[in-house]
Amino acid sequence: MQALIEFAPWVVFGLVYKFAGGLYPATAALMVAMALLLAYDWFTSRKIPQMHLILAVMVWVFGAATLILHDVRFLQWKASVFYWITGFVFGGSAFVGRQTILERLLVKSLPEGTSLPATAWRNCSVIMGVFYLLLGSANTWVALNRSTSDWVTFKVWIAAPLAIVFTLGVIVWLFRGLIFAKEPAP
């Protein structure tokens, strides 16, 4: 459910782009939707996740530049920059510090008394890092070589769902031993 809520601003962006006349109204709608996402976070849990805040600030800065300068490239680059930062954070955390970012995010969801080997956390972090670096590169390629309409389609209906599915796949693979463990016989 949380993943769907996080994806909602991009759905709003895609729908406004398609049905309300283009990129600039869609950018404004995305900026408002990000504010609503932060408000939803605050009202439901009395805190704002750091990733949502960072993404919202990036949307507002790059979105404002897009609207003020009437240049779509700012919004297109925001996506690549975000993916690249995410890739470097996930991948870099495998080599810096005692815990990877992935472990810090997910360790509380492990059943009590269970743990996963450090190599599993590290490998999954590197895999996620590489994925997000490649996704940022793909976004840049689409932005530079395809139409704005193609880029919007890629960003909203391909890249974002792919990122969600890939991340969930990595989590399932990481927790596979816990998820698919057989109950001990009495």
Foldseek 3Di string as FASTA:
>chain_A
DVLVLVLVLLVQLLVCCVPVPHNLVSLVSSLVSLVVSQVVCCVPPVDGDPLSVVLSVQSVVLSVCCNVVVPCVSVLLSLLVSLLVQLCQLLVQLPDDDAHPVCVVCVVVDPPPDDADSVLSSVLSNVSSVVSNVLSVVSVCCVVPHDPNSSSCCVNVNSSVVNVVVVVVSVCVSCVCVVPPDDDDD
